[in-house]
PDB file of all heavy atoms in Angstrom:
ATOM      1  N   ALA A   1     -10.959  48.018  49.405  1.00  0.00           N
ATOM      2  CA  ALA A   1     -11.570  49.290  49.090  1.00  0.00           C
ATOM      3  C   ALA A   1     -12.743  49.473  50.046  1.00  0.00           C
ATOM      4  O   ALA A   1     -13.627  48.629  50.122  1.00  0.00           O
ATOM      5  CB  ALA A   1     -12.031  49.327  47.641  1.00  0.00           C
ATOM      6  N   VAL A   2     -12.763  50.575  50.784  1.00  0.00           N
ATOM      7  CA  VAL A   2     -13.734  50.788  51.842  1.00  0.00           C
ATOM      8  C   VAL A   2     -14.683  51.922  51.455  1.00  0.00           C
ATOM      9  O   VAL A   2     -14.241  53.037  51.182  1.00  0.00           O
ATOM     10  CB  VAL A   2     -13.031  51.135  53.174  1.00  0.00           C
ATOM     11  CG1 VAL A   2     -14.042  51.298  54.292  1.00  0.00           C
ATOM     12  CG2 VAL A   2     -12.014  50.060  53.543  1.00  0.00           C
ATOM     13  N   ASP A   3     -15.988  51.662  51.416  1.00  0.00           N
ATOM     14  CA  ASP A   3     -16.997  52.673  51.113  1.00  0.00           C
ATOM     15  C   ASP A   3     -17.513  53.309  52.394  1.00  0.00           C
ATOM     16  O   ASP A   3     -17.910  52.600  53.318  1.00  0.00           O
ATOM     17  CB  ASP A   3     -18.185  52.045  50.376  1.00  0.00           C
ATOM     18  CG  ASP A   3     -17.867  51.718  48.937  1.00  0.00           C
ATOM     19  OD1 ASP A   3     -16.681  51.673  48.600  1.00  0.00           O
ATOM     20  OD2 ASP A   3     -18.809  51.529  48.145  1.00  0.00           O
ATOM     21  N   VAL A   4     -17.523  54.628  52.436  1.00  0.00           N
ATOM     22  CA  VAL A   4     -18.100  55.341  53.573  1.00  0.00           C
ATOM     23  C   VAL A   4     -18.969  56.483  53.047  1.00  0.00           C
ATOM     24  O   VAL A   4     -18.636  57.140  52.073  1.00  0.00           O
ATOM     25  CB  VAL A   4     -17.023  55.893  54.536  1.00  0.00           C
ATOM     26  CG1 VAL A   4     -16.368  54.788  55.299  1.00  0.00           C
ATOM     27  CG2 VAL A   4     -15.967  56.697  53.792  1.00  0.00           C
ATOM     28  N   ASN A   5     -20.110  56.703  53.693  1.00  0.00           N
ATOM     29  CA  ASN A   5     -21.049  57.736  53.287  1.00  0.00           C
ATOM     30  C   ASN A   5     -20.818  59.015  54.080  1.00  0.00           C
ATOM     31  O   ASN A   5     -20.525  58.967  55.278  1.00  0.00           O
ATOM     32  CB  ASN A   5     -22.483  57.255  53.512  1.00  0.00           C
ATOM     33  CG  ASN A   5     -22.807  56.008  52.709  1.00  0.00           C
ATOM     34  OD1 ASN A   5     -22.815  56.028  51.502  1.00  0.00           O
ATOM     35  ND2 ASN A   5     -23.074  54.912  53.398  1.00  0.00           N
ATOM     36  N   PHE A   6     -20.955  60.151  53.443  1.00  0.00           N
ATOM     37  CA  PHE A   6     -20.932  61.428  54.145  1.00  0.00           C
ATOM     38  C   PHE A   6     -21.658  62.480  53.312  1.00  0.00           C
ATOM     39  O   PHE A   6     -22.032  62.237  52.162  1.00  0.00           O
ATOM     40  CB  PHE A   6     -19.492  61.861  54.462  1.00  0.00           C
ATOM     41  CG  PHE A   6     -18.756  62.528  53.324  1.00  0.00           C
ATOM     42  CD1 PHE A   6     -18.408  63.858  53.393  1.00  0.00           C
ATOM     43  CD2 PHE A   6     -18.396  61.815  52.192  1.00  0.00           C
ATOM     44  CE1 PHE A   6     -17.716  64.471  52.365  1.00  0.00           C
ATOM     45  CE2 PHE A   6     -17.708  62.425  51.158  1.00  0.00           C
ATOM     46  CZ  PHE A   6     -17.374  63.763  51.253  1.00  0.00           C
ATOM     47  N   GLN A   7     -21.865  63.648  53.908  1.00  0.00           N
ATOM     48  CA  GLN A   7     -22.558  64.741  53.235  1.00  0.00           C
ATOM     49  C   GLN A   7     -21.679  65.981  53.203  1.00  0.00           C
ATOM     50  O   GLN A   7     -20.910  66.240  54.111  1.00  0.00           O
ATOM     51  CB  GLN A   7     -23.888  65.057  53.926  1.00  0.00           C
ATOM     52  CG  GLN A   7     -24.992  64.051  53.641  1.00  0.00           C
ATOM     53  CD  GLN A   7     -26.366  64.574  54.002  1.00  0.00           C
ATOM     54  OE1 GLN A   7     -26.504  65.541  54.713  1.00  0.00           O
ATOM     55  NE2 GLN A   7     -27.408  63.950  53.483  1.00  0.00           N
ATOM     56  N   TYR A   8     -21.829  66.750  52.133  1.00  0.00           N
ATOM     57  CA  TYR A   8     -21.173  68.047  52.003  1.00  0.00           C
ATOM     58  C   TYR A   8     -22.147  68.978  51.308  1.00  0.00           C
ATOM     59  O   TYR A   8     -22.681  68.645  50.241  1.00  0.00           O
ATOM     60  CB  TYR A   8     -19.864  67.937  51.213  1.00  0.00           C
ATOM     61  CG  TYR A   8     -19.190  69.266  50.971  1.00  0.00           C
ATOM     62  CD1 TYR A   8     -18.461  69.881  51.980  1.00  0.00           C
ATOM     63  CD2 TYR A   8     -19.304  69.912  49.745  1.00  0.00           C
ATOM     64  CE1 TYR A   8     -17.859  71.117  51.771  1.00  0.00           C
ATOM     65  CE2 TYR A   8     -18.702  71.143  49.534  1.00  0.00           C
ATOM     66  CZ  TYR A   8     -17.978  71.743  50.547  1.00  0.00           C
ATOM     67  OH  TYR A   8     -17.385  72.967  50.339  1.00  0.00           O
ATOM     68  N   ASN A   9     -22.368  70.141  51.902  1.00  0.00           N
ATOM     69  CA  ASN A   9     -23.356  71.089  51.364  1.00  0.00           C
ATOM     70  C   ASN A   9     -24.706  70.421  51.138  1.00  0.00           C
ATOM     71  O   ASN A   9     -25.372  70.646  50.119  1.00  0.00           O
ATOM     72  CB  ASN A   9     -22.849  71.724  50.060  1.00  0.00           C
ATOM     73  CG  ASN A   9     -21.903  72.883  50.301  1.00  0.00           C
ATOM     74  OD1 ASN A   9     -21.751  73.364  51.421  1.00  0.00           O
ATOM     75  ND2 ASN A   9     -21.256  73.355  49.235  1.00  0.00           N
ATOM     76  N   LYS A  10     -25.075  69.550  52.097  1.00  0.00           N
ATOM     77  CA  LYS A  10     -26.359  68.840  52.076  1.00  0.00           C
ATOM     78  C   LYS A  10     -26.490  67.875  50.900  1.00  0.00           C
ATOM     79  O   LYS A  10     -27.586  67.433  50.569  1.00  0.00           O
ATOM     80  CB  LYS A  10     -27.527  69.834  52.097  1.00  0.00           C
ATOM     81  CG  LYS A  10     -27.575  70.709  53.343  1.00  0.00           C
ATOM     82  CD  LYS A  10     -28.780  71.640  53.328  1.00  0.00           C
ATOM     83  CE  LYS A  10     -28.827  72.480  54.600  1.00  0.00           C
ATOM     84  NZ  LYS A  10     -29.989  73.417  54.615  1.00  0.00           N
ATOM     85  N   LYS A  11     -25.370  67.555  50.258  1.00  0.00           N
ATOM     86  CA  LYS A  11     -25.367  66.590  49.165  1.00  0.00           C
ATOM     87  C   LYS A  11     -24.688  65.300  49.634  1.00  0.00           C
ATOM     88  O   LYS A  11     -23.669  65.347  50.312  1.00  0.00           O
ATOM     89  CB  LYS A  11     -24.628  67.134  47.944  1.00  0.00           C
ATOM     90  CG  LYS A  11     -25.280  68.348  47.305  1.00  0.00           C
ATOM     91  CD  LYS A  11     -24.441  68.829  46.127  1.00  0.00           C
ATOM     92  CE  LYS A  11     -24.998  70.105  45.521  1.00  0.00           C
ATOM     93  NZ  LYS A  11     -24.116  70.613  44.433  1.00  0.00           N
ATOM     94  N   PRO A  12     -25.251  64.125  49.279  1.00  0.00           N
ATOM     95  CA  PRO A  12     -24.632  62.862  49.694  1.00  0.00           C
ATOM     96  C   PRO A  12     -23.451  62.486  48.806  1.00  0.00           C
ATOM     97  O   PRO A  12     -23.479  62.691  47.589  1.00  0.00           O
ATOM     98  CB  PRO A  12     -25.777  61.853  49.539  1.00  0.00           C
ATOM     99  CG  PRO A  12     -26.632  62.421  48.445  1.00  0.00           C
ATOM    100  CD  PRO A  12     -26.525  63.925  48.554  1.00  0.00           C
ATOM    101  N   TYR A  13     -22.426  61.949  49.400  1.00  0.00           N
ATOM    102  CA  TYR A  13     -21.260  61.447  48.693  1.00  0.00           C
ATOM    103  C   TYR A  13     -20.869  60.100  49.284  1.00  0.00           C
ATOM    104  O   TYR A  13     -21.206  59.773  50.420  1.00  0.00           O
ATOM    105  CB  TYR A  13     -20.072  62.413  48.819  1.00  0.00           C
ATOM    106  CG  TYR A  13     -20.233  63.729  48.093  1.00  0.00           C
ATOM    107  CD1 TYR A  13     -20.849  64.810  48.704  1.00  0.00           C
ATOM    108  CD2 TYR A  13     -19.769  63.883  46.797  1.00  0.00           C
ATOM    109  CE1 TYR A  13     -21.003  66.013  48.043  1.00  0.00           C
ATOM    110  CE2 TYR A  13     -19.904  65.089  46.127  1.00  0.00           C
ATOM    111  CZ  TYR A  13     -20.523  66.155  46.758  1.00  0.00           C
ATOM    112  OH  TYR A  13     -20.657  67.343  46.096  1.00  0.00           O
ATOM    113  N   ILE A  14     -20.148  59.319  48.497  1.00  0.00           N
ATOM    114  CA  ILE A  14     -19.536  58.083  48.983  1.00  0.00           C
ATOM    115  C   ILE A  14     -18.038  58.198  48.769  1.00  0.00           C
ATOM    116  O   ILE A  14     -17.565  58.457  47.662  1.00  0.00           O
ATOM    117  CB  ILE A  14     -20.080  56.838  48.257  1.00  0.00           C
ATOM    118  CG1 ILE A  14     -21.560  56.633  48.588  1.00  0.00           C
ATOM    119  CG2 ILE A  14     -19.285  55.594  48.657  1.00  0.00           C
ATOM    120  CD1 ILE A  14     -22.207  55.500  47.808  1.00  0.00           C
ATOM    121  N   LEU A  15     -17.267  58.023  49.848  1.00  0.00           N
ATOM    122  CA  LEU A  15     -15.814  57.999  49.771  1.00  0.00           C
ATOM    123  C   LEU A  15     -15.350  56.554  49.661  1.00  0.00           C
ATOM    124  O   LEU A  15     -15.798  55.690  50.407  1.00  0.00           O
ATOM    125  CB  LEU A  15     -15.197  58.631  51.020  1.00  0.00           C
ATOM    126  CG  LEU A  15     -15.176  60.157  51.139  1.00  0.00           C
ATOM    127  CD1 LEU A  15     -14.695  60.551  52.526  1.00  0.00           C
ATOM    128  CD2 LEU A  15     -14.283  60.776  50.087  1.00  0.00           C
ATOM    129  N   ILE A  16     -14.462  56.287  48.726  1.00  0.00           N
ATOM    130  CA  ILE A  16     -13.892  54.952  48.572  1.00  0.00           C
ATOM    131  C   ILE A  16     -12.402  55.043  48.874  1.00  0.00           C
ATOM    132  O   ILE A  16     -11.622  55.604  48.108  1.00  0.00           O
ATOM    133  CB  ILE A  16     -14.099  54.397  47.156  1.00  0.00           C
ATOM    134  CG1 ILE A  16     -15.567  54.508  46.735  1.00  0.00           C
ATOM    135  CG2 ILE A  16     -13.634  52.948  47.078  1.00  0.00           C
ATOM    136  CD1 ILE A  16     -15.807  54.154  45.273  1.00  0.00           C
ATOM    137  N   ASP A  17     -12.015  54.511  50.030  1.00  0.00           N
ATOM    138  CA  ASP A  17     -10.604  54.458  50.405  1.00  0.00           C
ATOM    139  C   ASP A  17     -10.022  53.163  49.862  1.00  0.00           C
ATOM    140  O   ASP A  17     -10.569  52.087  50.073  1.00  0.00           O
ATOM    141  CB  ASP A  17     -10.469  54.513  51.932  1.00  0.00           C
ATOM    142  CG  ASP A  17      -9.012  54.558  52.385  1.00  0.00           C
ATOM    143  OD1 ASP A  17      -8.166  54.992  51.584  1.00  0.00           O
ATOM    144  OD2 ASP A  17      -8.736  54.162  53.525  1.00  0.00           O
ATOM    145  N   THR A  18      -8.912  53.244  49.135  1.00  0.00           N
ATOM    146  CA  THR A  18      -8.339  52.075  48.491  1.00  0.00           C
ATOM    147  C   THR A  18      -7.004  51.695  49.111  1.00  0.00           C
ATOM    148  O   THR A  18      -6.328  52.497  49.744  1.00  0.00           O
ATOM    149  CB  THR A  18      -8.106  52.314  46.984  1.00  0.00           C
ATOM    150  OG1 THR A  18      -7.151  53.373  46.818  1.00  0.00           O
ATOM    151  CG2 THR A  18      -9.396  52.669  46.289  1.00  0.00           C
ATOM    152  N   ALA A  19      -6.640  50.447  48.906  1.00  0.00           N
ATOM    153  CA  ALA A  19      -5.296  50.019  49.256  1.00  0.00           C
ATOM    154  C   ALA A  19      -4.290  50.788  48.400  1.00  0.00           C
ATOM    155  O   ALA A  19      -4.560  51.138  47.250  1.00  0.00           O
ATOM    156  CB  ALA A  19      -5.160  48.516  49.005  1.00  0.00           C
ATOM    157  N   GLY A  20      -3.138  51.080  48.982  1.00  0.00           N
ATOM    158  CA  GLY A  20      -2.098  51.766  48.230  1.00  0.00           C
ATOM    159  C   GLY A  20      -1.684  50.937  47.023  1.00  0.00           C
ATOM    160  O   GLY A  20      -1.459  49.730  47.116  1.00  0.00           O
ATOM    161  N   ILE A  21      -1.591  51.568  45.870  1.00  0.00           N
ATOM    162  CA  ILE A  21      -1.297  50.850  44.635  1.00  0.00           C
ATOM    163  C   ILE A  21       0.206  50.790  44.420  1.00  0.00           C
ATOM    164  O   ILE A  21       0.875  51.816  44.303  1.00  0.00           O
ATOM    165  CB  ILE A  21      -1.993  51.516  43.437  1.00  0.00           C
ATOM    166  CG1 ILE A  21      -3.513  51.553  43.671  1.00  0.00           C
ATOM    167  CG2 ILE A  21      -1.662  50.775  42.154  1.00  0.00           C
ATOM    168  CD1 ILE A  21      -4.280  52.300  42.594  1.00  0.00           C
ATOM    169  N   ARG A  22       0.741  49.600  44.363  1.00  0.00           N
ATOM    170  CA  ARG A  22       2.150  49.379  44.061  1.00  0.00           C
ATOM    171  C   ARG A  22       2.306  48.976  42.599  1.00  0.00           C
ATOM    172  O   ARG A  22       1.334  48.663  41.923  1.00  0.00           O
ATOM    173  CB  ARG A  22       2.724  48.271  44.957  1.00  0.00           C
ATOM    174  CG  ARG A  22       2.741  48.590  46.452  1.00  0.00           C
ATOM    175  CD  ARG A  22       3.170  47.362  47.233  1.00  0.00           C
ATOM    176  NE  ARG A  22       3.411  47.664  48.646  1.00  0.00           N
ATOM    177  CZ  ARG A  22       2.493  47.702  49.560  1.00  0.00           C
ATOM    178  NH1 ARG A  22       1.238  47.463  49.218  1.00  0.00           N
ATOM    179  NH2 ARG A  22       2.783  47.974  50.825  1.00  0.00           N
ATOM    180  N   LYS A  23       3.533  49.012  42.122  1.00  0.00           N
ATOM    181  CA  LYS A  23       3.800  48.513  40.783  1.00  0.00           C
ATOM    182  C   LYS A  23       3.437  47.034  40.723  1.00  0.00           C
ATOM    183  O   LYS A  23       3.710  46.281  41.646  1.00  0.00           O
ATOM    184  CB  LYS A  23       5.276  48.695  40.422  1.00  0.00           C
ATOM    185  CG  LYS A  23       5.699  50.147  40.216  1.00  0.00           C
ATOM    186  CD  LYS A  23       7.154  50.235  39.824  1.00  0.00           C
ATOM    187  CE  LYS A  23       7.563  51.688  39.619  1.00  0.00           C
ATOM    188  NZ  LYS A  23       9.006  51.817  39.274  1.00  0.00           N
ATOM    189  N   ARG A  24       2.811  46.643  39.622  1.00  0.00           N
ATOM    190  CA  ARG A  24       2.352  45.259  39.489  1.00  0.00           C
ATOM    191  C   ARG A  24       3.478  44.261  39.707  1.00  0.00           C
ATOM    192  O   ARG A  24       3.274  43.201  40.297  1.00  0.00           O
ATOM    193  CB  ARG A  24       1.730  45.051  38.102  1.00  0.00           C
ATOM    194  CG  ARG A  24       0.410  45.769  37.905  1.00  0.00           C
ATOM    195  CD  ARG A  24      -0.143  45.495  36.540  1.00  0.00           C
ATOM    196  NE  ARG A  24      -1.373  46.224  36.274  1.00  0.00           N
ATOM    197  CZ  ARG A  24      -2.581  45.768  36.537  1.00  0.00           C
ATOM    198  NH1 ARG A  24      -2.712  44.584  37.085  1.00  0.00           N
ATOM    199  NH2 ARG A  24      -3.645  46.482  36.248  1.00  0.00           N
ATOM    200  N   GLY A  25       4.671  44.590  39.234  1.00  0.00           N
ATOM    201  CA  GLY A  25       5.799  43.667  39.365  1.00  0.00           C
ATOM    202  C   GLY A  25       6.251  43.463  40.792  1.00  0.00           C
ATOM    203  O   GLY A  25       6.953  42.513  41.101  1.00  0.00           O
ATOM    204  N   LYS A  26       5.887  44.366  41.694  1.00  0.00           N
ATOM    205  CA  LYS A  26       6.290  44.263  43.082  1.00  0.00           C
ATOM    206  C   LYS A  26       5.186  43.701  43.968  1.00  0.00           C
ATOM    207  O   LYS A  26       5.322  43.668  45.184  1.00  0.00           O
ATOM    208  CB  LYS A  26       6.730  45.634  43.604  1.00  0.00           C
ATOM    209  CG  LYS A  26       8.011  46.153  42.962  1.00  0.00           C
ATOM    210  CD  LYS A  26       8.455  47.457  43.588  1.00  0.00           C
ATOM    211  CE  LYS A  26       9.770  47.930  42.983  1.00  0.00           C
ATOM    212  NZ  LYS A  26      10.224  49.225  43.596  1.00  0.00           N
ATOM    213  N   VAL A  27       4.069  43.317  43.372  1.00  0.00           N
ATOM    214  CA  VAL A  27       2.972  42.744  44.134  1.00  0.00           C
ATOM    215  C   VAL A  27       3.142  41.225  44.157  1.00  0.00           C
ATOM    216  O   VAL A  27       2.815  40.544  43.205  1.00  0.00           O
ATOM    217  CB  VAL A  27       1.601  43.138  43.537  1.00  0.00           C
ATOM    218  CG1 VAL A  27       0.477  42.553  44.359  1.00  0.00           C
ATOM    219  CG2 VAL A  27       1.462  44.655  43.472  1.00  0.00           C
ATOM    220  N   TRP A  28       3.645  40.705  45.284  1.00  0.00           N
ATOM    221  CA  TRP A  28       3.947  39.287  45.377  1.00  0.00           C
ATOM    222  C   TRP A  28       2.910  38.518  46.171  1.00  0.00           C
ATOM    223  O   TRP A  28       2.457  37.466  45.747  1.00  0.00           O
ATOM    224  CB  TRP A  28       5.332  39.080  46.000  1.00  0.00           C
ATOM    225  CG  TRP A  28       6.436  39.730  45.254  1.00  0.00           C
ATOM    226  CD1 TRP A  28       7.105  40.865  45.588  1.00  0.00           C
ATOM    227  CD2 TRP A  28       7.016  39.303  44.003  1.00  0.00           C
ATOM    228  NE1 TRP A  28       8.048  41.176  44.644  1.00  0.00           N
ATOM    229  CE2 TRP A  28       8.026  40.234  43.659  1.00  0.00           C
ATOM    230  CE3 TRP A  28       6.767  38.216  43.151  1.00  0.00           C
ATOM    231  CZ2 TRP A  28       8.797  40.107  42.512  1.00  0.00           C
ATOM    232  CZ3 TRP A  28       7.535  38.091  42.014  1.00  0.00           C
ATOM    233  CH2 TRP A  28       8.536  39.035  41.700  1.00  0.00           C
ATOM    234  N   GLU A  29       2.578  39.001  47.320  1.00  0.00           N
ATOM    235  CA  GLU A  29       1.657  38.304  48.202  1.00  0.00           C
ATOM    236  C   GLU A  29       0.279  38.194  47.560  1.00  0.00           C
ATOM    237  O   GLU A  29      -0.203  39.120  46.918  1.00  0.00           O
ATOM    238  CB  GLU A  29       1.564  39.055  49.544  1.00  0.00           C
ATOM    239  CG  GLU A  29       0.860  38.289  50.625  1.00  0.00           C
ATOM    240  CD  GLU A  29       0.719  39.127  51.891  1.00  0.00           C
ATOM    241  OE1 GLU A  29       1.361  40.182  51.998  1.00  0.00           O
ATOM    242  OE2 GLU A  29      -0.057  38.711  52.744  1.00  0.00           O
ATOM    243  N   LYS A  30      -0.375  37.053  47.750  1.00  0.00           N
ATOM    244  CA  LYS A  30      -1.674  36.804  47.149  1.00  0.00           C
ATOM    245  C   LYS A  30      -2.686  37.876  47.542  1.00  0.00           C
ATOM    246  O   LYS A  30      -3.429  38.408  46.706  1.00  0.00           O
ATOM    247  CB  LYS A  30      -2.169  35.422  47.576  1.00  0.00           C
ATOM    248  CG  LYS A  30      -3.383  34.917  46.817  1.00  0.00           C
ATOM    249  CD  LYS A  30      -3.706  33.500  47.269  1.00  0.00           C
ATOM    250  CE  LYS A  30      -4.864  32.935  46.511  1.00  0.00           C
ATOM    251  NZ  LYS A  30      -5.216  31.562  46.978  1.00  0.00           N
ATOM    252  N   ILE A  31      -2.737  38.222  48.810  1.00  0.00           N
ATOM    253  CA  ILE A  31      -3.674  39.221  49.297  1.00  0.00           C
ATOM    254  C   ILE A  31      -3.394  40.578  48.669  1.00  0.00           C
ATOM    255  O   ILE A  31      -4.306  41.332  48.333  1.00  0.00           O
ATOM    256  CB  ILE A  31      -3.624  39.305  50.834  1.00  0.00           C
ATOM    257  CG1 ILE A  31      -4.141  38.009  51.445  1.00  0.00           C
ATOM    258  CG2 ILE A  31      -4.457  40.479  51.341  1.00  0.00           C
ATOM    259  CD1 ILE A  31      -3.954  37.924  52.941  1.00  0.00           C
ATOM    260  N   GLU A  32      -2.104  40.898  48.475  1.00  0.00           N
ATOM    261  CA  GLU A  32      -1.743  42.166  47.858  1.00  0.00           C
ATOM    262  C   GLU A  32      -2.251  42.240  46.419  1.00  0.00           C
ATOM    263  O   GLU A  32      -2.656  43.282  45.935  1.00  0.00           O
ATOM    264  CB  GLU A  32      -0.223  42.366  47.902  1.00  0.00           C
ATOM    265  CG  GLU A  32       0.341  42.610  49.289  1.00  0.00           C
ATOM    266  CD  GLU A  32      -0.054  43.955  49.856  1.00  0.00           C
ATOM    267  OE1 GLU A  32      -0.544  44.796  49.107  1.00  0.00           O
ATOM    268  OE2 GLU A  32       0.111  44.155  51.057  1.00  0.00           O
ATOM    269  N   LYS A  33      -2.223  41.092  45.728  1.00  0.00           N
ATOM    270  CA  LYS A  33      -2.754  41.051  44.369  1.00  0.00           C
ATOM    271  C   LYS A  33      -4.253  41.323  44.370  1.00  0.00           C
ATOM    272  O   LYS A  33      -4.761  42.056  43.519  1.00  0.00           O
ATOM    273  CB  LYS A  33      -2.458  39.698  43.726  1.00  0.00           C
ATOM    274  CG  LYS A  33      -0.995  39.458  43.412  1.00  0.00           C
ATOM    275  CD  LYS A  33      -0.780  38.102  42.763  1.00  0.00           C
ATOM    276  CE  LYS A  33       0.696  37.883  42.469  1.00  0.00           C
ATOM    277  NZ  LYS A  33       0.955  36.557  41.848  1.00  0.00           N
ATOM    278  N   TYR A  34      -4.959  40.737  45.331  1.00  0.00           N
ATOM    279  CA  TYR A  34      -6.382  41.000  45.468  1.00  0.00           C
ATOM    280  C   TYR A  34      -6.627  42.487  45.702  1.00  0.00           C
ATOM    281  O   TYR A  34      -7.551  43.078  45.155  1.00  0.00           O
ATOM    282  CB  TYR A  34      -6.961  40.209  46.638  1.00  0.00           C
ATOM    283  CG  TYR A  34      -7.069  38.718  46.420  1.00  0.00           C
ATOM    284  CD1 TYR A  34      -7.171  37.860  47.500  1.00  0.00           C
ATOM    285  CD2 TYR A  34      -7.077  38.161  45.155  1.00  0.00           C
ATOM    286  CE1 TYR A  34      -7.277  36.484  47.335  1.00  0.00           C
ATOM    287  CE2 TYR A  34      -7.187  36.793  44.981  1.00  0.00           C
ATOM    288  CZ  TYR A  34      -7.290  35.956  46.074  1.00  0.00           C
ATOM    289  OH  TYR A  34      -7.393  34.599  45.897  1.00  0.00           O
ATOM    290  N   SER A  35      -5.787  43.066  46.560  1.00  0.00           N
ATOM    291  CA  SER A  35      -5.952  44.469  46.916  1.00  0.00           C
ATOM    292  C   SER A  35      -5.762  45.385  45.717  1.00  0.00           C
ATOM    293  O   SER A  35      -6.470  46.374  45.548  1.00  0.00           O
ATOM    294  CB  SER A  35      -4.975  44.852  48.029  1.00  0.00           C
ATOM    295  OG  SER A  35      -5.261  44.150  49.214  1.00  0.00           O
ATOM    296  N   LEU A  36      -4.783  45.049  44.882  1.00  0.00           N
ATOM    297  CA  LEU A  36      -4.563  45.830  43.677  1.00  0.00           C
ATOM    298  C   LEU A  36      -5.785  45.766  42.768  1.00  0.00           C
ATOM    299  O   LEU A  36      -6.254  46.788  42.261  1.00  0.00           O
ATOM    300  CB  LEU A  36      -3.321  45.332  42.928  1.00  0.00           C
ATOM    301  CG  LEU A  36      -3.045  45.987  41.570  1.00  0.00           C
ATOM    302  CD1 LEU A  36      -2.818  47.480  41.736  1.00  0.00           C
ATOM    303  CD2 LEU A  36      -1.844  45.343  40.891  1.00  0.00           C
ATOM    304  N   LEU A  37      -6.324  44.561  42.581  1.00  0.00           N
ATOM    305  CA  LEU A  37      -7.528  44.407  41.772  1.00  0.00           C
ATOM    306  C   LEU A  37      -8.681  45.199  42.364  1.00  0.00           C
ATOM    307  O   LEU A  37      -9.455  45.830  41.654  1.00  0.00           O
ATOM    308  CB  LEU A  37      -7.916  42.928  41.660  1.00  0.00           C
ATOM    309  CG  LEU A  37      -7.019  42.051  40.803  1.00  0.00           C
ATOM    310  CD1 LEU A  37      -7.418  40.600  40.934  1.00  0.00           C
ATOM    311  CD2 LEU A  37      -7.096  42.465  39.341  1.00  0.00           C
ATOM    312  N   ARG A  38      -8.804  45.166  43.705  1.00  0.00           N
ATOM    313  CA  ARG A  38      -9.867  45.894  44.369  1.00  0.00           C
ATOM    314  C   ARG A  38      -9.732  47.393  44.115  1.00  0.00           C
ATOM    315  O   ARG A  38     -10.726  48.089  43.883  1.00  0.00           O
ATOM    316  CB  ARG A  38      -9.831  45.590  45.874  1.00  0.00           C
ATOM    317  CG  ARG A  38     -11.059  45.995  46.606  1.00  0.00           C
ATOM    318  CD  ARG A  38     -12.245  45.065  46.338  1.00  0.00           C
ATOM    319  NE  ARG A  38     -12.055  43.762  46.934  1.00  0.00           N
ATOM    320  CZ  ARG A  38     -12.073  42.632  46.246  1.00  0.00           C
ATOM    321  NH1 ARG A  38     -12.282  42.646  44.960  1.00  0.00           N
ATOM    322  NH2 ARG A  38     -11.910  41.476  46.854  1.00  0.00           N
ATOM    323  N   SER A  39      -8.501  47.901  44.165  1.00  0.00           N
ATOM    324  CA  SER A  39      -8.256  49.316  43.912  1.00  0.00           C
ATOM    325  C   SER A  39      -8.632  49.691  42.485  1.00  0.00           C
ATOM    326  O   SER A  39      -9.229  50.740  42.239  1.00  0.00           O
ATOM    327  CB  SER A  39      -6.788  49.653  44.187  1.00  0.00           C
ATOM    328  OG  SER A  39      -6.458  49.477  45.546  1.00  0.00           O
ATOM    329  N   MET A  40      -8.283  48.820  41.543  1.00  0.00           N
ATOM    330  CA  MET A  40      -8.615  49.078  40.152  1.00  0.00           C
ATOM    331  C   MET A  40     -10.129  49.092  39.940  1.00  0.00           C
ATOM    332  O   MET A  40     -10.664  49.932  39.216  1.00  0.00           O
ATOM    333  CB  MET A  40      -7.968  48.033  39.255  1.00  0.00           C
ATOM    334  CG  MET A  40      -6.448  47.946  39.372  1.00  0.00           C
ATOM    335  SD  MET A  40      -5.605  49.485  38.987  1.00  0.00           S
ATOM    336  CE  MET A  40      -5.862  49.562  37.238  1.00  0.00           C
ATOM    337  N   ARG A  41     -10.829  48.158  40.589  1.00  0.00           N
ATOM    338  CA  ARG A  41     -12.288  48.123  40.490  1.00  0.00           C
ATOM    339  C   ARG A  41     -12.914  49.341  41.155  1.00  0.00           C
ATOM    340  O   ARG A  41     -13.943  49.850  40.705  1.00  0.00           O
ATOM    341  CB  ARG A  41     -12.826  46.843  41.112  1.00  0.00           C
ATOM    342  CG  ARG A  41     -12.508  45.595  40.290  1.00  0.00           C
ATOM    343  CD  ARG A  41     -12.956  44.332  41.002  1.00  0.00           C
ATOM    344  NE  ARG A  41     -12.567  43.132  40.255  1.00  0.00           N
ATOM    345  CZ  ARG A  41     -12.710  41.899  40.708  1.00  0.00           C
ATOM    346  NH1 ARG A  41     -13.235  41.699  41.909  1.00  0.00           N
ATOM    347  NH2 ARG A  41     -12.335  40.876  39.976  1.00  0.00           N
ATOM    348  N   ALA A  42     -12.298  49.799  42.246  1.00  0.00           N
ATOM    349  CA  ALA A  42     -12.794  50.999  42.927  1.00  0.00           C
ATOM    350  C   ALA A  42     -12.709  52.205  42.009  1.00  0.00           C
ATOM    351  O   ALA A  42     -13.609  53.050  41.979  1.00  0.00           O
ATOM    352  CB  ALA A  42     -12.001  51.242  44.212  1.00  0.00           C
ATOM    353  N   ILE A  43     -11.622  52.307  41.246  1.00  0.00           N
ATOM    354  CA  ILE A  43     -11.490  53.393  40.271  1.00  0.00           C
ATOM    355  C   ILE A  43     -12.602  53.311  39.233  1.00  0.00           C
ATOM    356  O   ILE A  43     -13.204  54.323  38.866  1.00  0.00           O
ATOM    357  CB  ILE A  43     -10.101  53.348  39.608  1.00  0.00           C
ATOM    358  CG1 ILE A  43      -9.009  53.706  40.626  1.00  0.00           C
ATOM    359  CG2 ILE A  43     -10.038  54.301  38.409  1.00  0.00           C
ATOM    360  CD1 ILE A  43      -7.591  53.515  40.109  1.00  0.00           C
ATOM    361  N   GLU A  44     -12.891  52.103  38.775  1.00  0.00           N
ATOM    362  CA  GLU A  44     -13.949  51.913  37.775  1.00  0.00           C
ATOM    363  C   GLU A  44     -15.306  52.354  38.319  1.00  0.00           C
ATOM    364  O   GLU A  44     -16.129  52.902  37.579  1.00  0.00           O
ATOM    365  CB  GLU A  44     -14.017  50.447  37.341  1.00  0.00           C
ATOM    366  CG  GLU A  44     -12.824  49.962  36.530  1.00  0.00           C
ATOM    367  CD  GLU A  44     -12.754  50.598  35.162  1.00  0.00           C
ATOM    368  OE1 GLU A  44     -13.813  51.034  34.653  1.00  0.00           O
ATOM    369  OE2 GLU A  44     -11.654  50.670  34.584  1.00  0.00           O
ATOM    370  N   ARG A  45     -15.557  52.133  39.610  1.00  0.00           N
ATOM    371  CA  ARG A  45     -16.840  52.487  40.227  1.00  0.00           C
ATOM    372  C   ARG A  45     -16.981  53.973  40.475  1.00  0.00           C
ATOM    373  O   ARG A  45     -18.095  54.488  40.585  1.00  0.00           O
ATOM    374  CB  ARG A  45     -16.995  51.767  41.563  1.00  0.00           C
ATOM    375  CG  ARG A  45     -17.216  50.269  41.468  1.00  0.00           C
ATOM    376  CD  ARG A  45     -17.197  49.645  42.867  1.00  0.00           C
ATOM    377  NE  ARG A  45     -18.084  50.388  43.746  1.00  0.00           N
ATOM    378  CZ  ARG A  45     -17.786  50.694  45.011  1.00  0.00           C
ATOM    379  NH1 ARG A  45     -16.625  50.334  45.513  1.00  0.00           N
ATOM    380  NH2 ARG A  45     -18.640  51.355  45.737  1.00  0.00           N
TER     381      ARG A  45
END
């Protein structure tokens, strides 16, 4: 999940780009599992 800062109408925003979310059952690779968790945490933030 990547945080980037930008402004719109002179207001600050943070964009969070996340890894593409796959179905949990299709997430096999260890790193992919981390990425899914990261995406879920990004949603929470």
